[in-house]
């Protein structure tokens, strides 16, 4: 089949695909439209439907789909390499295969945006909470650091005094649901229904690739890497659940995960969130005042320091040559999706916390 004949036969398909892409791009330029018509209406009901459809399955269906897609891609690569080695991969065949692949990627892009991706262009949690523009200086970050230092120490001391232990992963997921139930009483837009939280099937592999959790936009499942240190898992879970509620940007998911964790009555979730946020703030300060950063670190409770050392050992024992490449690719993905700072986008939760404190007087 010639290239001309291929386009004649697939003209309608290409036109529909390109019109959808054009509509998505034009629609995404208006954050108010996205917030009002997509996130608050279509996505609100569609995401609940996805969680209802797949949440009851005891394993991650999305992980299985990723495996199938990976195997298909590998098979296609091997097949085409064999054609090249046999010198049967002529230019006309290469062009047709290239156009087919491009059309497939376009439809994946369309489905991704309809199912979830447009949330990158919403107005978000700062708009919902009516927070002021999130600008801050070094004194603001130091103020936040000292508040988080007290919070992480006090929550750890309470855990030690009550001899609290971390439950199994299913119980953590159930407790995370209750976190959002409590948070939803204060913030109705954080109400969470139809739970669909799963342990990642690739958790141990993920330790070497550098991920602790992820959201599957095609099945609506929140995946948690249940092999990481247990004190990290509560906050990871509320973070991934925030993605399910349509908070696509990583700084927003961090902030919403924090709101859910600390508005619960469970100290395990308090500690997990405050520990992660303290580390964000302390790293931020280290860039401009390493002495102050080290001094604050020295004031941490001995139990907190022990957990951080375990965290460091865990990361060091799972270093791999491929992790920097994965981190770079994910950073590029974030930049392409309204997060120009790439991997540093996670750290932008600091500005949200400062704005929240300035408005409400507490963290």
Protein backbone atom coordinates (compact mmCIF):
# COMPACT_ATOMS: atom_id res chain seq x y z
CA UNK A 1 0.00 0.00 0.00
CA UNK A 2 1.39 3.39 -1.00
CA UNK A 3 1.58 6.32 1.41
CA UNK A 4 -1.00 8.18 -0.70
CA UNK A 5 -3.43 5.26 -0.54
CA UNK A 6 -2.84 4.91 3.22
CA UNK A 7 -3.91 8.52 3.81
CA UNK A 8 -6.90 8.15 1.48
CA UNK A 9 -8.12 5.18 3.49
CA UNK A 10 -7.44 6.79 6.88
CA UNK A 11 -8.29 10.41 6.10
CA UNK A 12 -11.36 10.52 8.37
CA UNK A 13 -9.45 8.96 11.28
CA UNK A 14 -6.65 11.52 10.98
CA UNK A 15 -9.11 14.42 10.72
CA UNK A 16 -11.01 13.31 13.83
CA UNK A 17 -7.75 12.83 15.77
CA UNK A 18 -6.35 16.24 14.82
CA UNK A 19 -9.64 18.00 15.56
CA UNK A 20 -9.67 16.44 19.03
CA UNK A 21 -6.09 17.58 19.64
CA UNK A 22 -6.95 21.11 18.49
CA UNK A 23 -10.01 21.21 20.76
CA UNK A 24 -8.00 19.95 23.76
CA UNK A 25 -5.27 22.55 23.23
CA UNK A 26 -7.72 25.44 22.80
CA UNK A 27 -9.82 24.32 25.78
CA UNK A 28 -6.76 23.93 28.02
CA UNK A 29 -5.73 27.57 27.51
CA UNK A 30 -8.67 28.72 29.66
CA UNK A 31 -8.05 27.55 33.23
CA UNK A 32 -11.51 28.69 34.31
CA UNK A 33 -13.14 26.48 31.68
CA UNK A 34 -11.03 23.53 32.77
CA UNK A 35 -11.83 24.06 36.46
CA UNK A 36 -15.54 24.70 35.92
CA UNK A 37 -16.53 22.35 33.12
CA UNK A 38 -13.89 19.63 33.11
CA UNK A 39 -12.57 19.11 36.66
CA UNK A 40 -15.63 20.04 38.70
CA UNK A 41 -18.18 18.40 36.40
CA UNK A 42 -16.97 15.82 33.88
CA UNK A 43 -13.87 14.57 35.72
CA UNK A 44 -15.61 14.57 39.11
CA UNK A 45 -18.14 11.96 37.92
CA UNK A 46 -15.89 10.16 35.43
CA UNK A 47 -13.12 9.53 37.99
CA UNK A 48 -15.63 8.14 40.50
CA UNK A 49 -16.89 5.80 37.79
CA UNK A 50 -13.35 4.56 37.06
CA UNK A 51 -12.72 3.91 40.75
CA UNK A 52 -16.06 2.12 41.04
CA UNK A 53 -15.29 -0.06 38.01
CA UNK A 54 -11.77 -1.06 38.98
CA UNK A 55 -11.41 -0.34 42.71
CA UNK A 56 -12.80 -3.74 43.78
CA UNK A 57 -10.10 -5.66 41.88
CA UNK A 58 -7.51 -6.77 44.49
CA UNK A 59 -4.52 -6.10 42.21
CA UNK A 60 -3.53 -3.18 40.01
CA UNK A 61 -5.22 -3.59 36.63
CA UNK A 62 -3.31 -0.56 35.39
CA UNK A 63 0.01 -2.27 36.13
CA UNK A 64 -1.13 -5.28 34.07
CA UNK A 65 -2.07 -2.96 31.19
CA UNK A 66 1.35 -1.30 31.40
CA UNK A 67 2.97 -4.75 31.25
CA UNK A 68 0.95 -5.70 28.18
CA UNK A 69 1.79 -2.38 26.50
CA UNK A 70 5.48 -2.86 27.34
CA UNK A 71 5.50 -6.39 25.91
CA UNK A 72 3.73 -5.22 22.76
CA UNK A 73 6.25 -2.41 22.30
CA UNK A 74 9.18 -4.77 22.84
CA UNK A 75 7.71 -7.23 20.32
CA UNK A 76 7.31 -4.43 17.75
CA UNK A 77 10.90 -3.29 18.27
CA UNK A 78 12.26 -6.84 17.86
CA UNK A 79 10.09 -7.40 14.78
CA UNK A 80 11.32 -4.22 13.09
CA UNK A 81 14.95 -4.85 14.02
CA UNK A 82 14.67 -8.25 12.34
CA UNK A 83 13.28 -6.59 9.19
CA UNK A 84 16.20 -4.17 9.19
CA UNK A 85 18.72 -7.00 9.58
CA UNK A 86 17.05 -8.87 6.70
CA UNK A 87 17.12 -5.64 4.65
CA UNK A 88 13.37 -5.77 4.11
CA UNK A 89 12.70 -2.50 5.90
CA UNK A 90 12.24 -0.22 2.87
CA UNK A 91 11.49 3.49 3.11
CA UNK A 92 7.81 3.16 2.16
CA UNK A 93 7.19 0.57 4.89
CA UNK A 94 9.10 2.71 7.39
CA UNK A 95 6.95 5.75 6.62
CA UNK A 96 3.69 3.81 6.96
CA UNK A 97 4.80 2.33 10.26
CA UNK A 98 5.88 5.76 11.42
CA UNK A 99 2.51 7.31 10.58
CA UNK A 100 0.67 4.46 12.29
CA UNK A 101 2.77 4.93 15.40
CA UNK A 102 2.15 8.68 15.32
CA UNK A 103 -1.60 8.14 15.03
CA UNK A 104 -1.49 5.71 17.96
CA UNK A 105 0.39 8.24 20.08
CA UNK A 106 -2.11 10.95 19.16
CA UNK A 107 -5.01 8.79 20.35
CA UNK A 108 -3.14 7.95 23.57
CA UNK A 109 -2.66 11.71 24.07
CA UNK A 110 -6.39 12.32 23.53
CA UNK A 111 -7.46 9.56 25.92
CA UNK A 112 -4.91 10.69 28.52
CA UNK A 113 -6.26 14.25 28.49
CA UNK A 114 -9.92 13.25 28.53
CA UNK A 115 -9.37 10.76 31.35
CA UNK A 116 -7.19 13.03 33.53
CA UNK A 117 -4.50 15.12 31.82
CA UNK A 118 -6.54 18.31 31.45
CA UNK A 119 -6.29 18.66 35.23
CA UNK A 120 -2.78 20.03 34.66
CA UNK A 121 -4.48 23.16 33.34
CA UNK A 122 -7.03 23.69 36.11
CA UNK A 123 -6.92 26.58 38.58
CA UNK A 124 -6.30 24.20 41.45
CA UNK A 125 -6.16 24.13 45.22
CA UNK A 126 -4.80 27.68 45.67
CA UNK A 127 -7.84 28.99 43.79
CA UNK A 128 -10.20 26.82 45.85
CA UNK A 129 -8.70 28.00 49.15
CA UNK A 130 -8.40 31.58 47.86
CA UNK A 131 -4.71 31.72 48.76
CA UNK A 132 -2.77 34.82 47.85
CA UNK A 133 -0.09 34.73 45.14
CA UNK A 134 2.54 32.39 46.49
CA UNK A 135 5.67 34.54 46.71
CA UNK A 136 8.03 34.15 49.65
CA UNK A 137 11.49 35.12 50.88
CA UNK A 138 14.15 33.41 52.97
CA UNK A 139 12.61 34.52 56.27
CA UNK A 140 9.33 32.87 55.29
CA UNK A 141 11.05 29.57 54.56
CA UNK A 142 12.94 29.69 57.86
CA UNK A 143 9.70 30.41 59.70
CA UNK A 144 8.09 27.40 58.01
CA UNK A 145 11.12 25.24 58.77
CA UNK A 146 10.86 26.00 62.51
CA UNK A 147 7.14 25.23 62.58
CA UNK A 148 7.65 21.92 60.78
CA UNK A 149 10.58 21.10 63.09
CA UNK A 150 8.28 21.37 66.10
CA UNK A 151 5.50 19.45 64.36
CA UNK A 152 7.66 16.53 63.27
CA UNK A 153 9.30 16.27 66.71
CA UNK A 154 6.02 16.43 68.64
CA UNK A 155 4.30 13.86 66.42
CA UNK A 156 7.26 11.49 66.69
CA UNK A 157 7.35 11.84 70.49
CA UNK A 158 3.64 11.03 70.64
CA UNK A 159 4.17 7.92 68.50
CA UNK A 160 6.97 6.77 70.82
CA UNK A 161 4.95 7.47 73.98
CA UNK A 162 1.91 5.57 72.69
CA UNK A 163 4.09 2.79 71.30
CA UNK A 164 2.27 3.15 67.97
CA UNK A 165 3.13 0.70 65.22
CA UNK A 166 2.48 0.89 61.51
CA UNK A 167 -0.37 -1.32 60.26
CA UNK A 168 -0.27 -3.41 57.10
CA UNK A 169 -0.74 -1.79 53.71
CA UNK A 170 -4.49 -2.50 53.48
CA UNK A 171 -5.05 -0.80 56.82
CA UNK A 172 -2.93 2.18 55.75
CA UNK A 173 -5.12 2.51 52.65
CA UNK A 174 -8.26 2.33 54.80
CA UNK A 175 -6.90 4.93 57.21
CA UNK A 176 -6.02 7.18 54.27
CA UNK A 177 -9.66 7.05 53.20
CA UNK A 178 -10.66 8.22 56.68
CA UNK A 179 -8.15 11.08 56.36
CA UNK A 180 -10.03 12.37 53.32
CA UNK A 181 -13.36 11.81 55.09
CA UNK A 182 -12.22 14.17 57.85
CA UNK A 183 -10.63 16.65 55.44
CA UNK A 184 -13.82 16.63 53.35
CA UNK A 185 -15.79 17.95 56.32
CA UNK A 186 -13.71 21.13 56.27
CA UNK A 187 -13.04 21.23 52.53
CA UNK A 188 -16.00 19.72 50.59
CA UNK A 189 -13.94 19.55 47.38
CA UNK A 190 -11.70 16.95 49.06
CA UNK A 191 -14.49 14.43 49.58
CA UNK A 192 -13.27 11.05 48.34
CA UNK A 193 -15.60 8.24 47.28
CA UNK A 194 -15.19 4.81 45.68
CA UNK A 195 -11.66 3.94 46.88
CA UNK A 196 -9.21 2.45 44.41
CA UNK A 197 -5.82 2.29 46.11
CA UNK A 198 -3.45 -0.56 45.23
CA UNK A 199 0.07 -1.70 45.98
CA UNK A 200 2.27 -1.36 42.91
CA UNK A 201 3.16 -4.68 41.30
CA UNK A 202 6.51 -3.11 40.43
CA UNK A 203 7.42 -1.81 43.88
CA UNK A 204 10.78 -3.53 44.23
CA UNK A 205 11.75 -2.57 40.70
CA UNK A 206 10.52 0.95 41.43
CA UNK A 207 13.03 1.26 44.26
CA UNK A 208 15.78 1.15 41.64
CA UNK A 209 13.90 3.48 39.28
CA UNK A 210 13.21 6.08 41.97
CA UNK A 211 9.42 6.07 42.33
CA UNK A 212 7.37 5.66 45.51
CA UNK A 213 3.90 5.85 43.98
CA UNK A 214 2.02 6.87 40.86
CA UNK A 215 -1.45 7.40 39.48
CA UNK A 216 -2.78 5.48 36.49
CA UNK A 217 -5.00 7.88 34.52
CA UNK A 218 -6.42 5.09 32.33
CA UNK A 219 -7.86 3.03 35.20
CA UNK A 220 -8.16 5.64 37.96
CA UNK A 221 -6.04 3.57 40.36
CA UNK A 222 -3.62 5.04 42.89
CA UNK A 223 -0.53 2.84 43.17
CA UNK A 224 1.66 2.92 46.28
CA UNK A 225 5.11 1.38 46.49
CA UNK A 226 4.59 -0.67 49.65
CA UNK A 227 8.24 -1.73 49.85
CA UNK A 228 9.59 1.68 50.91
CA UNK A 229 10.13 2.47 54.63
CA UNK A 230 6.80 2.28 56.44
CA UNK A 231 6.90 5.82 57.84
CA UNK A 232 6.82 7.18 54.26
CA UNK A 233 3.78 5.21 53.12
CA UNK A 234 0.93 7.18 54.79
CA UNK A 235 1.87 10.46 53.08
CA UNK A 236 2.63 8.71 49.78
CA UNK A 237 -0.89 7.27 49.90
CA UNK A 238 -2.63 10.61 50.53
CA UNK A 239 -0.47 12.17 47.79
CA UNK A 240 -1.57 9.60 45.20
CA UNK A 241 -5.19 9.93 46.30
CA UNK A 242 -4.90 13.67 45.66
CA UNK A 243 -4.04 12.83 42.04
CA UNK A 244 -7.25 10.78 41.90
CA UNK A 245 -9.21 13.87 42.94
CA UNK A 246 -7.81 15.78 39.97
CA UNK A 247 -4.80 17.54 41.52
CA UNK A 248 -2.39 16.68 38.74
CA UNK A 249 0.56 18.95 39.54
CA UNK A 250 2.99 17.44 42.02
CA UNK A 251 3.13 20.47 44.31
CA UNK A 252 -0.67 20.47 44.52
CA UNK A 253 -0.81 16.73 45.20
CA UNK A 254 1.78 17.25 47.95
CA UNK A 255 -0.29 20.04 49.48
CA UNK A 256 -3.63 18.21 49.24
CA UNK A 257 -1.99 15.08 50.64
CA UNK A 258 -0.79 17.20 53.56
CA UNK A 259 -4.29 18.64 54.14
CA UNK A 260 -5.75 15.15 54.26
CA UNK A 261 -3.02 13.72 56.50
CA UNK A 262 -2.94 16.44 59.16
CA UNK A 263 -6.72 16.91 59.34
CA UNK A 264 -7.08 13.30 60.40
CA UNK A 265 -6.84 12.08 63.99
CA UNK A 266 -4.07 9.61 63.16
CA UNK A 267 -0.59 10.57 64.37
CA UNK A 268 1.06 8.12 61.95
CA UNK A 269 -0.24 10.24 59.08
CA UNK A 270 0.69 13.48 60.83
CA UNK A 271 4.27 12.33 61.29
CA UNK A 272 4.62 10.98 57.76
CA UNK A 273 3.45 14.28 56.24
CA UNK A 274 5.42 16.56 58.57
CA UNK A 275 8.62 14.54 58.07
CA UNK A 276 8.43 14.82 54.29
CA UNK A 277 7.55 18.50 54.40
CA UNK A 278 10.32 19.29 56.89
CA UNK A 279 12.80 17.66 54.51
CA UNK A 280 11.49 19.81 51.65
CA UNK A 281 11.85 23.00 53.72
CA UNK A 282 15.25 22.06 55.09
CA UNK A 283 16.60 21.28 51.61
CA UNK A 284 15.24 24.59 50.37
CA UNK A 285 17.11 26.45 53.13
CA UNK A 286 20.28 24.46 52.47
CA UNK A 287 20.59 26.17 49.06
CA UNK A 288 21.05 29.60 50.64
CA UNK A 289 22.02 28.89 54.28
CA UNK A 290 23.59 25.47 54.80
CA UNK A 291 24.60 26.32 58.39
CA UNK A 292 21.00 27.04 59.42
CA UNK A 293 19.86 23.87 57.67
CA UNK A 294 22.36 21.75 59.61
CA UNK A 295 21.48 23.45 62.89
CA UNK A 296 17.78 22.67 62.44
CA UNK A 297 18.57 19.10 61.50
CA UNK A 298 20.56 18.75 64.73
CA UNK A 299 17.45 19.73 66.72
CA UNK A 300 15.42 16.81 65.40
CA UNK A 301 14.28 14.18 67.87
CA UNK A 302 16.54 11.12 67.99
CA UNK A 303 13.71 8.96 66.68
CA UNK A 304 13.24 11.24 63.68
CA UNK A 305 16.98 11.14 62.94
CA UNK A 306 16.87 7.36 63.09
CA UNK A 307 14.07 7.28 60.52
CA UNK A 308 15.95 9.67 58.22
CA UNK A 309 19.05 7.49 58.45
CA UNK A 310 16.95 4.46 57.52
CA UNK A 311 15.55 6.46 54.58
CA UNK A 312 19.07 7.34 53.41
CA UNK A 313 20.28 3.74 53.72
CA UNK A 314 17.27 2.55 51.76
CA UNK A 315 17.98 5.00 48.94
CA UNK A 316 21.69 4.19 48.87
CA UNK A 317 21.03 0.45 48.73
CA UNK A 318 18.77 0.92 45.71
CA UNK A 319 20.90 3.20 43.59
CA UNK A 320 21.06 2.19 39.94
CA UNK A 321 22.57 3.44 36.70
CA UNK A 322 19.11 3.85 35.13
CA UNK A 323 17.54 6.03 37.85
CA UNK A 324 19.10 9.33 36.62
CA UNK A 325 17.70 8.67 33.14
CA UNK A 326 14.24 7.92 34.53
CA UNK A 327 14.39 11.04 36.71
CA UNK A 328 15.44 13.16 33.71
CA UNK A 329 12.61 11.79 31.54
CA UNK A 330 10.03 12.35 34.25
CA UNK A 331 11.36 15.87 34.77
CA UNK A 332 10.84 16.50 31.05
CA UNK A 333 7.30 15.12 31.33
CA UNK A 334 6.55 17.51 34.20
CA UNK A 335 7.89 20.48 32.22
CA UNK A 336 5.66 19.56 29.28
CA UNK A 337 2.68 19.51 31.66
CA UNK A 338 2.62 22.99 33.16
CA UNK A 339 5.42 22.39 35.69
CA UNK A 340 8.42 24.33 34.35
CA UNK A 341 10.67 23.45 37.29
CA UNK A 342 10.53 19.74 36.49
CA UNK A 343 11.43 17.54 39.46
CA UNK A 344 11.76 20.66 41.60
CA UNK A 345 7.98 21.05 41.23
CA UNK A 346 7.52 18.79 44.26
CA UNK A 347 9.38 21.34 46.36
CA UNK A 348 6.95 24.12 45.35
CA UNK A 349 4.61 22.84 48.05
CA UNK A 350 6.69 25.14 50.29
CA UNK A 351 5.13 28.26 48.78
CA UNK A 352 1.64 26.82 49.26
CA UNK A 353 2.32 26.01 52.90
CA UNK A 354 3.58 29.54 53.53
CA UNK A 355 0.54 31.08 51.81
CA UNK A 356 -1.75 28.78 53.82
CA UNK A 357 -0.05 29.72 57.09
CA UNK A 358 -0.29 33.43 56.31
CA UNK A 359 -4.03 33.09 55.72
CA UNK A 360 -5.04 30.59 58.41
CA UNK A 361 -2.25 31.03 61.01
CA UNK A 362 -1.56 27.32 61.36
CA UNK A 363 -0.01 24.33 59.62
